[in-house]
Amino acid sequence: MNKETMSVHELADQLGISLPKAYALVKEKDFPVVRIGTRILIPVDAFKEWLTIHSQQE
């Protein structure tokens, strides 16, 4: 079974960025996150869509 969400740590690893930068990214207004209590999860499909959209803007 493939994971539907990833943690902020996994996001940092996936993008090759530092953990503080990953936390700054998930605080961005248009970044897709799901908050469950204090836990921050990133839906994988929404992240891929966000990445595609933002990679085309530059």
N, C-alpha and C. Protein backbone atom coordinates (compact mmCIF):
# COMPACT_ATOMS: atom_id res chain seq x y z
N MET A 1 0.83 -1.18 0.00
CA MET A 1 0.00 0.00 0.00
C MET A 1 0.88 1.25 0.00
N ASN A 2 0.61 2.14 -0.92
CA ASN A 2 1.34 3.40 -0.96
C ASN A 2 0.77 4.36 0.07
N LYS A 3 1.64 5.16 0.63
CA LYS A 3 1.18 6.15 1.62
C LYS A 3 0.43 7.28 0.93
N GLU A 4 -0.64 7.72 1.56
CA GLU A 4 -1.43 8.83 1.04
C GLU A 4 -0.90 10.18 1.51
N THR A 5 -0.18 10.18 2.64
CA THR A 5 0.36 11.41 3.20
C THR A 5 1.81 11.21 3.56
N MET A 6 2.50 12.33 3.76
CA MET A 6 3.88 12.27 4.26
C MET A 6 4.04 13.31 5.36
N SER A 7 5.03 13.07 6.19
CA SER A 7 5.31 13.99 7.29
C SER A 7 6.19 15.14 6.80
N VAL A 8 6.38 16.12 7.64
CA VAL A 8 7.26 17.24 7.28
C VAL A 8 8.70 16.75 7.11
N HIS A 9 9.11 15.78 7.94
CA HIS A 9 10.45 15.21 7.80
C HIS A 9 10.61 14.54 6.43
N GLU A 10 9.59 13.79 6.02
CA GLU A 10 9.64 13.13 4.72
C GLU A 10 9.63 14.15 3.59
N LEU A 11 8.90 15.24 3.76
CA LEU A 11 8.89 16.32 2.77
C LEU A 11 10.29 16.90 2.60
N ALA A 12 10.94 17.16 3.72
CA ALA A 12 12.30 17.71 3.67
C ALA A 12 13.24 16.76 2.93
N ASP A 13 13.13 15.45 3.22
CA ASP A 13 13.96 14.47 2.52
C ASP A 13 13.63 14.42 1.04
N GLN A 14 12.35 14.45 0.73
CA GLN A 14 11.89 14.38 -0.67
C GLN A 14 12.43 15.55 -1.49
N LEU A 15 12.41 16.74 -0.92
CA LEU A 15 12.85 17.94 -1.64
C LEU A 15 14.34 18.23 -1.47
N GLY A 16 14.97 17.56 -0.53
CA GLY A 16 16.40 17.81 -0.29
C GLY A 16 16.63 19.17 0.37
N ILE A 17 15.71 19.54 1.27
CA ILE A 17 15.84 20.82 1.98
C ILE A 17 15.94 20.56 3.48
N SER A 18 16.33 21.58 4.21
CA SER A 18 16.45 21.43 5.66
C SER A 18 15.06 21.34 6.31
N LEU A 19 15.02 20.81 7.50
CA LEU A 19 13.76 20.70 8.23
C LEU A 19 13.14 22.07 8.52
N PRO A 20 13.93 23.08 8.95
CA PRO A 20 13.33 24.41 9.15
C PRO A 20 12.72 24.99 7.87
N LYS A 21 13.36 24.75 6.72
CA LYS A 21 12.79 25.23 5.46
C LYS A 21 11.50 24.48 5.12
N ALA A 22 11.44 23.20 5.43
CA ALA A 22 10.22 22.42 5.19
C ALA A 22 9.08 22.94 6.06
N TYR A 23 9.37 23.27 7.32
CA TYR A 23 8.33 23.83 8.19
C TYR A 23 7.88 25.20 7.68
N ALA A 24 8.79 26.00 7.16
CA ALA A 24 8.42 27.29 6.59
C ALA A 24 7.52 27.09 5.37
N LEU A 25 7.82 26.07 4.57
CA LEU A 25 7.04 25.79 3.38
C LEU A 25 5.61 25.39 3.73
N VAL A 26 5.44 24.54 4.74
CA VAL A 26 4.09 24.09 5.08
C VAL A 26 3.26 25.20 5.71
N LYS A 27 3.90 26.30 6.10
CA LYS A 27 3.17 27.45 6.63
C LYS A 27 2.71 28.39 5.53
N GLU A 28 3.18 28.17 4.29
CA GLU A 28 2.75 28.99 3.16
C GLU A 28 1.25 28.81 2.94
N LYS A 29 0.59 29.88 2.56
CA LYS A 29 -0.87 29.89 2.44
C LYS A 29 -1.39 28.86 1.43
N ASP A 30 -0.71 28.70 0.31
CA ASP A 30 -1.22 27.82 -0.75
C ASP A 30 -0.64 26.40 -0.71
N PHE A 31 0.15 26.07 0.31
CA PHE A 31 0.74 24.74 0.39
C PHE A 31 -0.26 23.76 0.99
N PRO A 32 -0.46 22.60 0.37
CA PRO A 32 -1.48 21.65 0.84
C PRO A 32 -1.05 20.89 2.10
N VAL A 33 -1.76 21.09 3.18
CA VAL A 33 -1.49 20.36 4.42
C VAL A 33 -2.80 19.92 5.07
N VAL A 34 -2.70 18.89 5.87
CA VAL A 34 -3.79 18.43 6.72
C VAL A 34 -3.26 18.46 8.14
N ARG A 35 -3.97 19.16 9.00
CA ARG A 35 -3.55 19.25 10.41
C ARG A 35 -4.48 18.38 11.24
N ILE A 36 -3.87 17.48 11.99
CA ILE A 36 -4.61 16.62 12.91
C ILE A 36 -3.99 16.85 14.28
N GLY A 37 -4.67 17.65 15.07
CA GLY A 37 -4.08 18.08 16.34
C GLY A 37 -2.86 18.92 16.05
N THR A 38 -1.73 18.52 16.59
CA THR A 38 -0.47 19.24 16.32
C THR A 38 0.31 18.62 15.16
N ARG A 39 -0.19 17.52 14.65
CA ARG A 39 0.49 16.81 13.56
C ARG A 39 0.20 17.48 12.23
N ILE A 40 1.24 17.64 11.41
CA ILE A 40 1.10 18.22 10.08
C ILE A 40 1.39 17.11 9.07
N LEU A 41 0.43 16.85 8.20
CA LEU A 41 0.59 15.85 7.15
C LEU A 41 0.38 16.50 5.80
N ILE A 42 1.13 16.01 4.82
CA ILE A 42 1.03 16.55 3.47
C ILE A 42 0.46 15.45 2.56
N PRO A 43 -0.71 15.68 1.96
CA PRO A 43 -1.27 14.70 1.02
C PRO A 43 -0.35 14.58 -0.20
N VAL A 44 0.07 13.37 -0.51
CA VAL A 44 1.06 13.16 -1.57
C VAL A 44 0.55 13.66 -2.92
N ASP A 45 -0.67 13.32 -3.29
CA ASP A 45 -1.20 13.74 -4.60
C ASP A 45 -1.31 15.26 -4.70
N ALA A 46 -1.78 15.91 -3.64
CA ALA A 46 -1.89 17.37 -3.64
C ALA A 46 -0.50 18.02 -3.70
N PHE A 47 0.47 17.41 -3.03
CA PHE A 47 1.85 17.93 -3.08
C PHE A 47 2.40 17.85 -4.50
N LYS A 48 2.18 16.73 -5.17
CA LYS A 48 2.67 16.57 -6.54
C LYS A 48 2.04 17.62 -7.46
N GLU A 49 0.75 17.87 -7.27
CA GLU A 49 0.06 18.88 -8.07
C GLU A 49 0.62 20.27 -7.77
N TRP A 50 0.83 20.58 -6.49
CA TRP A 50 1.40 21.87 -6.08
C TRP A 50 2.79 22.04 -6.70
N LEU A 51 3.59 20.99 -6.67
CA LEU A 51 4.95 21.05 -7.21
C LEU A 51 4.93 21.29 -8.71
N THR A 52 4.03 20.64 -9.41
CA THR A 52 3.91 20.84 -10.86
C THR A 52 3.53 22.28 -11.18
N ILE A 53 2.54 22.79 -10.47
CA ILE A 53 2.09 24.16 -10.71
C ILE A 53 3.21 25.17 -10.42
N HIS A 54 3.91 24.99 -9.31
CA HIS A 54 4.94 25.95 -8.94
C HIS A 54 6.23 25.81 -9.74
N SER A 55 6.47 24.64 -10.31
CA SER A 55 7.67 24.49 -11.13
C SER A 55 7.46 25.13 -12.50
N GLN A 56 6.21 25.32 -12.92
CA GLN A 56 5.91 25.95 -14.21
C GLN A 56 5.90 27.46 -14.13
N GLN A 57 5.82 28.02 -12.93
CA GLN A 57 5.75 29.47 -12.77
C GLN A 57 7.10 30.14 -12.95
N GLU A 58 8.16 29.41 -12.80
CA GLU A 58 9.49 30.04 -12.86
C GLU A 58 10.09 30.01 -14.22
